[in-house]
Amino acid sequence: MSSSIPSRSTSAQVPRQRIRDLLPTVYLGRYNTGSKNSLTDIPGVLVSTQSIHSSPKYPNAAPNSINTGVTTILPRKDWFSKACFAGIFRFNGSGEMTGTHWIEETGLLHSPIVITGSFGVGSAYNGIYEHAIRDHSDESGKVDWFLTPVVAETFDGFLHDVTKFAVTPQHIIKGMDEASGEPVKEGNTGGGTGMLCHWFKGGTGSSSRIVPADNDKTYTVAALVQANYGAMRDFKISGAPIGRLIYEEQERKARENPDDPELLAQSQLLFQIAKAKDKKDGSIIVILGTDAPLHPTQLQRLAKRATVGLSRVGGWGTNPSGDIFLAFSTGNHLDVQTVTANSKKVNPWSPREVGIEMVDDQTINALFESAADAVEESILNAVCMAETMAGHGATVEALDLGKVKELMAKYL
């Protein structure tokens, strides 16, 4: 399908923007966002996104075009020696997140989190190791430490030629070096560069919530998603069936104007996407972070709440979808590499106590609620910020934000 397919809507063109900017009165939960409304609202969390596109030899719409990327999350700058507690939830397992066996075994995350396309997992894994070797090998270049990289994926083969293996270890090293506390770039960025969401262009999105706590404290709960799942008919905004309304309008116009070449091209495009998605519905990776001191079992429970946010937008976990969620907390600093990495600071045969803080389970509700809200908004931000993309012989259009404003008027 050519990249010259016209816009499927005649509504006023509205520039790409986050959901709160598009719909200022939309209800997305009762808690305030952080100042950046991003995963990087959590103190110490660093993120980078890199998009990888075709060289001049391969135009973006060519059959062998490149549209992929890498998202890198550092839970804290000293991730190598200071672990975070973490928990995993698998809503549907047709996907990959490496390193999860160790997280489930120990409750510890001491690796960057890299999210990319399915065929970039191997290079991402190697890149984490290469970075660690560069920074943490001994004077002779040898390593004596334990590290299981955490790499997650969703499939971007509709807009990207996965056979080119465009992601390299050098991209990962660069991402780890350049990760910062700036707001996460959204839409066609990072690992989300070539992704679809509800048949619209999807990608990367983020959001945060500030939760009032005891003793005049506040905690931040934040999410980052790589959204690559779902059908148009299921897409919702704050409960409104926007995807179904857009889809039904497209079908009606095609029936009423069977000879209109623009509508014919739009119908063919939707058929092409639907056919591909019926075979493999894509996936969603959700990373939840918080500075609330949660232990691993609490973080498993927090990760489960990502499912609530996903379902609000219209995801329900098809059989071939990889819906894998990780939650981590920076509220405790857990020493690791104290037996290895040439430190030998502790005796592994002599049990010793360490102190941790934790939230009382009976007071955890607001954190759960905020996790669901942040995931919902992150997905909407990914779709609203994504732009129409041509690649690998196909085109996927962005959600028409003008049409969204028009349709949402009666729901707000």
Protein backbone atom coordinates (compact mmCIF):
# COMPACT_ATOMS: atom_id res chain seq x y z
CA MET A 1 0.00 0.00 0.00
CA SER A 2 1.44 3.33 -1.02
CA SER A 3 2.25 6.07 1.48
CA SER A 4 0.09 8.44 -0.60
CA ILE A 5 -3.19 7.16 0.86
CA PRO A 6 -5.26 10.24 1.79
CA SER A 7 -6.56 10.98 5.25
CA ARG A 8 -9.69 8.99 6.01
CA SER A 9 -11.43 11.92 7.73
CA THR A 10 -12.64 15.30 6.57
CA SER A 11 -12.70 16.75 10.09
CA ALA A 12 -10.49 19.72 10.93
CA GLN A 13 -6.83 18.76 11.19
CA VAL A 14 -5.55 18.96 14.77
CA PRO A 15 -1.81 18.72 15.55
CA ARG A 16 -0.50 15.75 17.50
CA GLN A 17 -0.81 16.30 21.23
CA ARG A 18 -1.27 14.43 24.47
CA ILE A 19 -4.75 13.38 25.55
CA ARG A 20 -5.07 16.06 28.28
CA ASP A 21 -4.12 18.80 25.82
CA LEU A 22 -6.59 17.48 23.27
CA LEU A 23 -9.46 17.03 25.75
CA PRO A 24 -8.83 19.25 28.79
CA THR A 25 -11.99 18.08 30.59
CA VAL A 26 -11.53 14.35 30.01
CA TYR A 27 -11.63 12.28 33.21
CA LEU A 28 -8.55 10.13 33.73
CA GLY A 29 -8.65 9.55 37.47
CA ARG A 30 -8.81 11.64 40.60
CA TYR A 31 -5.11 12.03 41.37
CA ASN A 32 -2.89 14.81 40.03
CA THR A 33 -0.15 14.05 37.55
CA GLY A 34 3.51 14.75 38.21
CA SER A 35 5.08 17.87 36.76
CA LYS A 36 6.19 15.97 33.63
CA ASN A 37 3.30 13.47 33.61
CA SER A 38 5.93 10.89 32.74
CA LEU A 39 7.83 7.92 34.11
CA THR A 40 10.71 10.29 34.82
CA ASP A 41 8.63 12.02 37.50
CA ILE A 42 9.96 9.28 39.78
CA PRO A 43 13.18 10.71 41.25
CA GLY A 44 16.25 8.98 39.86
CA VAL A 45 14.53 7.16 36.99
CA LEU A 46 16.22 7.83 33.63
CA VAL A 47 14.85 7.11 30.13
CA SER A 48 16.04 7.41 26.55
CA THR A 49 14.34 6.67 23.24
CA GLN A 50 15.98 6.08 19.87
CA SER A 51 14.19 5.65 16.55
CA ILE A 52 15.89 3.82 13.69
CA HIS A 53 14.71 4.55 10.16
CA SER A 54 15.69 3.62 6.61
CA SER A 55 18.88 4.75 5.00
CA PRO A 56 18.44 6.76 1.76
CA LYS A 57 18.89 3.47 -0.10
CA TYR A 58 15.62 2.18 1.34
CA PRO A 59 12.78 4.78 1.37
CA ASN A 60 10.39 4.38 4.30
CA ALA A 61 7.59 3.00 2.15
CA ALA A 62 9.81 0.47 0.36
CA PRO A 63 9.30 -3.25 1.05
CA ASN A 64 12.66 -3.41 2.85
CA SER A 65 12.29 -0.20 4.86
CA ILE A 66 13.42 0.23 8.46
CA ASN A 67 11.12 1.66 11.16
CA THR A 68 12.12 0.37 14.57
CA GLY A 69 13.83 1.60 17.72
CA VAL A 70 14.84 1.17 21.34
CA THR A 71 13.51 2.47 24.66
CA THR A 72 15.94 2.29 27.58
CA ILE A 73 14.90 2.69 31.24
CA LEU A 74 17.40 2.93 34.08
CA PRO A 75 15.54 2.36 37.37
CA ARG A 76 18.36 4.30 39.02
CA LYS A 77 21.74 5.51 37.83
CA ASP A 78 23.62 2.98 40.00
CA TRP A 79 21.44 0.07 38.84
CA PHE A 80 24.47 -2.25 38.67
CA SER A 81 25.17 -2.27 42.41
CA LYS A 82 21.85 -1.08 43.91
CA ALA A 83 18.85 -3.23 43.07
CA CYS A 84 15.19 -2.29 43.18
CA PHE A 85 12.42 -4.56 44.35
CA ALA A 86 10.29 -5.64 41.39
CA GLY A 87 7.33 -7.81 40.43
CA ILE A 88 6.03 -9.31 37.19
CA PHE A 89 2.53 -10.03 35.88
CA ARG A 90 1.79 -11.92 32.66
CA PHE A 91 -1.70 -11.08 31.40
CA ASN A 92 -1.08 -13.03 28.19
CA GLY A 93 2.22 -14.66 27.40
CA SER A 94 2.69 -14.59 23.62
CA GLY A 95 5.76 -12.38 23.94
CA GLU A 96 9.09 -12.02 25.67
CA MET A 97 10.57 -10.22 28.62
CA THR A 98 13.96 -11.67 29.49
CA GLY A 99 15.25 -11.78 33.04
CA THR A 100 11.83 -12.40 34.57
CA HIS A 101 12.74 -15.77 36.08
CA TRP A 102 15.35 -14.07 38.25
CA ILE A 103 12.96 -11.29 39.23
CA GLU A 104 10.36 -13.89 40.25
CA GLU A 105 13.02 -15.87 42.11
CA THR A 106 14.48 -12.99 44.13
CA GLY A 107 12.19 -9.98 43.68
CA LEU A 108 15.22 -7.97 42.60
CA LEU A 109 15.73 -5.84 39.49
CA HIS A 110 19.36 -4.91 38.86
CA SER A 111 19.41 -4.36 35.13
CA PRO A 112 18.30 -1.67 32.74
CA ILE A 113 14.91 -2.33 31.13
CA VAL A 114 15.14 -2.23 27.34
CA ILE A 115 12.03 -2.39 25.12
CA THR A 116 12.33 -2.91 21.38
CA GLY A 117 10.92 -4.87 18.44
CA SER A 118 10.76 -8.65 18.54
CA PHE A 119 13.82 -9.17 16.34
CA GLY A 120 15.91 -6.71 18.37
CA VAL A 121 15.91 -8.69 21.61
CA GLY A 122 19.23 -10.45 21.01
CA SER A 123 21.11 -7.28 20.20
CA ALA A 124 19.55 -5.50 23.17
CA TYR A 125 20.62 -8.32 25.48
CA ASN A 126 24.16 -8.17 24.15
CA GLY A 127 24.22 -4.38 24.40
CA ILE A 128 23.46 -4.43 28.11
CA TYR A 129 26.29 -6.88 28.64
CA GLU A 130 28.69 -4.85 26.51
CA HIS A 131 27.89 -1.71 28.50
CA ALA A 132 28.43 -3.56 31.77
CA ILE A 133 31.72 -5.01 30.54
CA ARG A 134 32.89 -1.55 29.52
CA ASP A 135 32.09 -0.02 32.92
CA HIS A 136 32.52 -2.90 35.35
CA SER A 137 35.23 -5.28 34.13
CA ASP A 138 38.43 -5.48 36.13
CA GLU A 139 41.83 -4.15 35.05
CA SER A 140 42.49 -7.24 32.98
CA GLY A 141 39.15 -6.98 31.23
CA LYS A 142 37.62 -9.95 33.06
CA VAL A 143 34.20 -9.97 34.70
CA ASP A 144 33.19 -11.49 38.00
CA TRP A 145 29.59 -10.48 38.51
CA PHE A 146 26.04 -11.65 37.97
CA LEU A 147 23.68 -9.84 35.58
CA THR A 148 20.56 -11.06 33.81
CA PRO A 149 19.42 -8.35 31.35
CA VAL A 150 15.75 -7.38 31.19
CA VAL A 151 14.64 -6.94 27.56
CA ALA A 152 11.01 -6.84 26.38
CA GLU A 153 9.52 -6.76 22.88
CA THR A 154 6.49 -6.22 20.70
CA PHE A 155 6.34 -7.09 16.99
CA ASP A 156 6.83 -4.24 14.52
CA GLY A 157 6.93 -6.26 11.28
CA PHE A 158 3.95 -4.55 9.66
CA LEU A 159 5.84 -1.28 9.11
CA HIS A 160 9.42 -2.53 9.45
CA ASP A 161 11.55 -5.14 7.71
CA VAL A 162 12.51 -7.29 10.68
CA THR A 163 14.89 -9.37 8.57
CA LYS A 164 17.37 -6.47 8.50
CA PHE A 165 18.11 -6.76 12.26
CA ALA A 166 18.45 -2.97 12.44
CA VAL A 167 18.87 -2.80 16.23
CA THR A 168 22.50 -3.27 17.26
CA PRO A 169 24.26 -3.49 20.64
CA GLN A 170 25.63 0.00 19.97
CA HIS A 171 22.09 1.41 20.09
CA ILE A 172 21.69 -0.05 23.57
CA ILE A 173 25.00 1.32 24.80
CA LYS A 174 24.07 4.74 23.45
CA GLY A 175 20.65 4.56 25.09
CA MET A 176 22.13 3.69 28.47
CA ASP A 177 24.68 6.48 28.19
CA GLU A 178 22.12 9.09 27.15
CA ALA A 179 19.22 8.19 29.46
CA SER A 180 17.99 11.28 31.29
CA GLY A 181 15.27 12.62 33.52
CA GLU A 182 13.58 14.52 30.67
CA PRO A 183 9.94 13.73 29.86
CA VAL A 184 9.60 10.54 27.83
CA LYS A 185 9.22 11.19 24.10
CA GLU A 186 5.96 9.65 22.92
CA GLY A 187 4.31 8.28 19.80
CA ASN A 188 6.61 7.03 17.01
CA THR A 189 9.61 6.92 19.30
CA GLY A 190 11.92 4.37 20.86
CA GLY A 191 10.80 0.77 20.77
CA GLY A 192 7.35 2.03 19.79
CA THR A 193 8.57 3.52 16.50
CA GLY A 194 6.93 0.94 14.22
CA MET A 195 4.02 -0.16 16.41
CA LEU A 196 0.23 -0.09 15.86
CA CYS A 197 -2.49 0.32 18.49
CA HIS A 198 -6.16 -0.42 17.80
CA TRP A 199 -5.33 -0.27 14.06
CA PHE A 200 -4.15 3.32 14.47
CA LYS A 201 -0.47 4.22 14.63
CA GLY A 202 0.67 3.36 18.14
CA GLY A 203 3.97 3.45 19.99
CA THR A 204 5.39 4.80 23.23
CA GLY A 205 3.39 6.61 25.91
CA SER A 206 3.84 7.61 29.54
CA SER A 207 1.99 9.16 32.47
CA SER A 208 2.30 9.62 36.24
CA ARG A 209 0.22 10.18 39.36
CA ILE A 210 1.02 11.80 42.72
CA VAL A 211 -0.50 9.96 45.68
CA PRO A 212 -0.90 11.73 49.04
CA ALA A 213 0.46 9.59 51.86
CA ASP A 214 0.72 9.57 55.66
CA ASN A 215 2.89 12.15 57.48
CA ASP A 216 2.50 14.72 54.68
CA LYS A 217 4.44 12.54 52.25
CA THR A 218 3.57 11.93 48.61
CA TYR A 219 4.48 9.00 46.40
CA THR A 220 4.71 8.91 42.62
CA VAL A 221 3.31 6.08 40.52
CA ALA A 222 4.14 6.23 36.82
CA ALA A 223 3.84 4.11 33.71
CA LEU A 224 5.55 3.70 30.35
CA VAL A 225 3.88 1.59 27.67
CA GLN A 226 4.86 0.20 24.30
CA ALA A 227 1.39 -0.20 22.75
CA ASN A 228 1.01 -2.54 19.78
CA TYR A 229 -2.30 -4.34 20.28
CA GLY A 230 -6.04 -4.19 19.70
CA ALA A 231 -8.80 -3.65 17.13
CA MET A 232 -10.29 -0.30 16.13
CA ARG A 233 -13.79 -1.38 17.19
CA ASP A 234 -12.64 -1.79 20.81
CA PHE A 235 -10.83 1.55 21.25
CA LYS A 236 -12.28 3.75 24.01
CA ILE A 237 -11.50 7.12 25.55
CA SER A 238 -12.84 7.56 29.08
CA GLY A 239 -15.46 4.95 28.30
CA ALA A 240 -16.62 6.51 25.02
CA PRO A 241 -16.62 4.01 22.07
CA ILE A 242 -14.55 6.23 19.78
CA GLY A 243 -12.98 3.40 17.79
CA ARG A 244 -16.31 1.76 17.05
CA LEU A 245 -17.83 5.08 15.96
CA ILE A 246 -14.91 5.79 13.60
CA TYR A 247 -15.00 2.27 12.19
CA GLU A 248 -18.77 2.34 11.61
CA GLU A 249 -18.48 5.70 9.88
CA GLN A 250 -15.82 4.31 7.56
CA GLU A 251 -17.98 1.32 6.69
CA ARG A 252 -21.05 3.50 6.07
CA LYS A 253 -19.16 5.89 3.78
CA ALA A 254 -17.70 2.99 1.80
CA ARG A 255 -21.15 1.48 1.27
CA GLU A 256 -22.67 4.78 0.22
CA ASN A 257 -19.82 5.70 -2.13
CA PRO A 258 -18.57 2.44 -3.68
CA ASP A 259 -16.79 4.22 -6.55
CA ASP A 260 -14.93 6.78 -4.45
CA PRO A 261 -11.19 5.99 -4.88
CA GLU A 262 -10.24 7.62 -1.58
CA LEU A 263 -12.75 5.58 0.39
CA LEU A 264 -11.75 2.45 -1.53
CA ALA A 265 -8.10 3.01 -0.58
CA GLN A 266 -9.08 3.53 3.05
CA SER A 267 -11.14 0.34 3.08
CA GLN A 268 -8.29 -1.62 1.54
CA LEU A 269 -5.92 -0.26 4.15
CA LEU A 270 -8.19 -1.29 7.02
CA PHE A 271 -8.64 -4.72 5.47
CA GLN A 272 -4.88 -5.11 5.17
CA ILE A 273 -4.34 -4.20 8.83
CA ALA A 274 -7.25 -6.36 10.02
CA LYS A 275 -5.96 -9.37 8.11
CA ALA A 276 -2.50 -9.00 9.62
CA LYS A 277 -3.81 -8.37 13.11
CA ASP A 278 -6.18 -11.35 13.03
CA LYS A 279 -3.12 -13.56 12.63
CA LYS A 280 -1.01 -11.85 15.30
CA ASP A 281 -2.63 -9.14 17.38
CA GLY A 282 0.58 -7.53 18.56
CA SER A 283 1.29 -6.94 22.22
CA ILE A 284 1.73 -4.39 24.97
CA ILE A 285 4.61 -3.99 27.39
CA VAL A 286 3.85 -1.96 30.52
CA ILE A 287 6.52 -0.74 32.92
CA LEU A 288 5.22 0.68 36.20
CA GLY A 289 7.53 2.49 38.57
CA THR A 290 7.07 4.05 41.98
CA ASP A 291 9.09 5.58 44.79
CA ALA A 292 6.68 4.10 47.33
CA PRO A 293 8.56 1.42 49.31
CA LEU A 294 6.79 -1.70 48.06
CA HIS A 295 8.12 -5.23 48.48
CA PRO A 296 8.07 -7.76 45.59
CA THR A 297 4.66 -9.27 46.36
CA GLN A 298 3.12 -5.80 46.51
CA LEU A 299 4.80 -4.96 43.20
CA GLN A 300 3.33 -8.08 41.60
CA ARG A 301 -0.05 -6.82 42.72
CA LEU A 302 0.70 -3.33 41.36
CA ALA A 303 1.70 -4.83 38.01
CA LYS A 304 -1.64 -6.64 37.80
CA ARG A 305 -3.44 -3.28 37.92
CA ALA A 306 -1.97 -2.44 34.51
CA THR A 307 -4.65 -4.80 33.19
CA VAL A 308 -7.35 -2.43 34.45
CA GLY A 309 -5.87 0.51 32.57
CA LEU A 310 -5.46 -1.61 29.45
CA SER A 311 -9.06 -2.78 29.56
CA ARG A 312 -10.39 0.79 29.89
CA VAL A 313 -8.86 1.67 26.51
CA GLY A 314 -10.12 -1.53 24.91
CA GLY A 315 -7.49 -4.25 25.36
CA TRP A 316 -8.62 -7.67 26.48
CA GLY A 317 -5.71 -9.99 25.80
CA THR A 318 -6.15 -12.00 22.60
CA ASN A 319 -4.58 -15.44 22.36
CA PRO A 320 -1.52 -14.34 20.29
CA SER A 321 -0.89 -11.11 22.22
CA GLY A 322 2.10 -10.64 24.52
CA ASP A 323 0.83 -8.53 27.44
CA ILE A 324 3.63 -8.48 30.00
CA PHE A 325 3.89 -6.02 32.87
CA LEU A 326 6.76 -5.18 35.22
CA ALA A 327 6.54 -2.97 38.31
CA PHE A 328 9.56 -1.73 40.26
CA SER A 329 10.11 0.44 43.33
CA THR A 330 12.99 2.79 44.06
CA GLY A 331 11.86 3.06 47.69
CA ASN A 332 14.57 0.68 48.92
CA HIS A 333 18.22 0.37 47.90
CA LEU A 334 19.31 -3.28 47.93
CA ASP A 335 23.03 -4.00 47.69
CA VAL A 336 23.96 -6.49 44.99
CA GLN A 337 27.33 -7.60 43.57
CA THR A 338 28.57 -7.84 47.17
CA VAL A 339 29.86 -11.39 46.69
CA THR A 340 30.97 -11.01 43.09
CA ALA A 341 32.39 -8.06 41.10
CA ASN A 342 35.70 -8.43 42.97
CA SER A 343 34.15 -6.97 46.09
CA LYS A 344 33.64 -9.96 48.37
CA LYS A 345 32.02 -7.71 50.96
CA VAL A 346 29.79 -10.35 52.50
CA ASN A 347 30.07 -14.03 53.36
CA PRO A 348 27.41 -15.93 51.35
CA TRP A 349 27.38 -18.68 53.98
CA SER A 350 26.69 -16.39 56.91
CA PRO A 351 23.10 -15.01 56.92
CA ARG A 352 22.84 -11.32 57.80
CA GLU A 353 19.94 -8.97 58.27
CA VAL A 354 19.22 -5.85 56.24
CA GLY A 355 16.56 -3.28 56.90
CA ILE A 356 13.86 -2.31 54.42
CA GLU A 357 10.81 -0.09 54.49
CA MET A 358 7.40 -1.11 53.19
CA VAL A 359 3.91 0.28 52.77
CA ASP A 360 1.21 -1.22 54.98
CA ASP A 361 -0.92 -3.47 52.75
CA GLN A 362 -4.05 -2.07 54.34
CA THR A 363 -3.19 1.40 52.98
CA ILE A 364 -2.18 0.48 49.41
CA ASN A 365 -5.43 1.20 47.54
CA ALA A 366 -4.46 4.60 46.16
CA LEU A 367 -1.28 3.17 44.65
CA PHE A 368 -3.27 0.46 42.88
CA GLU A 369 -5.80 2.98 41.59
CA SER A 370 -3.07 5.31 40.35
CA ALA A 371 -1.34 2.48 38.51
CA ALA A 372 -4.51 1.74 36.53
CA ASP A 373 -5.05 5.43 35.78
CA ALA A 374 -1.46 6.00 34.64
CA VAL A 375 -1.53 3.01 32.30
CA GLU A 376 -4.81 4.14 30.74
CA GLU A 377 -3.44 7.61 30.07
CA SER A 378 -0.10 6.29 28.83
CA ILE A 379 -1.83 4.26 26.11
CA LEU A 380 -3.95 7.25 25.08
CA ASN A 381 -0.83 9.43 24.95
CA ALA A 382 0.91 6.86 22.75
CA VAL A 383 -1.96 6.88 20.24
CA CYS A 384 -2.58 10.64 20.32
CA MET A 385 1.09 11.51 19.87
CA ALA A 386 1.79 8.94 17.13
CA GLU A 387 1.94 10.15 13.54
CA THR A 388 0.92 8.46 10.30
CA MET A 389 3.72 6.20 9.11
CA ALA A 390 4.53 4.50 5.81
CA GLY A 391 6.90 1.59 5.86
CA HIS A 392 7.59 -1.89 4.53
CA GLY A 393 5.07 -1.37 1.74
CA ALA A 394 2.23 -0.37 4.08
CA THR A 395 0.74 2.74 5.65
CA VAL A 396 -0.86 3.12 9.07
CA GLU A 397 -2.68 6.35 9.77
CA ALA A 398 -2.64 8.22 13.03
CA LEU A 399 -5.85 8.61 15.00
CA ASP A 400 -7.65 11.68 13.63
CA LEU A 401 -7.61 14.02 16.64
CA GLY A 402 -10.07 16.40 15.01
CA LYS A 403 -12.56 13.55 14.69
CA VAL A 404 -11.89 12.61 18.32
CA LYS A 405 -12.75 16.12 19.51
CA GLU A 406 -15.90 16.04 17.41
CA LEU A 407 -17.05 12.66 18.70
CA MET A 408 -16.09 13.29 22.32
CA ALA A 409 -18.12 16.51 22.52
CA LYS A 410 -21.25 14.66 23.63
CA TYR A 411 -19.39 12.63 26.27
CA LEU A 412 -17.63 15.47 28.10
